């Protein structure tokens, strides 16, 4: 039943990139989106917090919504 739903890909060429242990230089587009080895924008970046440049990109682009209680 689930065999038709499973997609596998290499950790650096698919839509989900696990970057924590990769020691390759990363490519970004003009909007700082991480590109996989195929040149496509990574849909999910796992372990980005282990790469200082990626943390800075996230901090720069992250909007944090904070509930203010009265």
Foldseek 3Di string as FASTA:
>chain_A
DCPVVDDDDDQQADLEHECQPDPDDWDADPLRFTAGPVRHGRNHYHPLVNPVVSVVSCVVPDDDDDDDDD
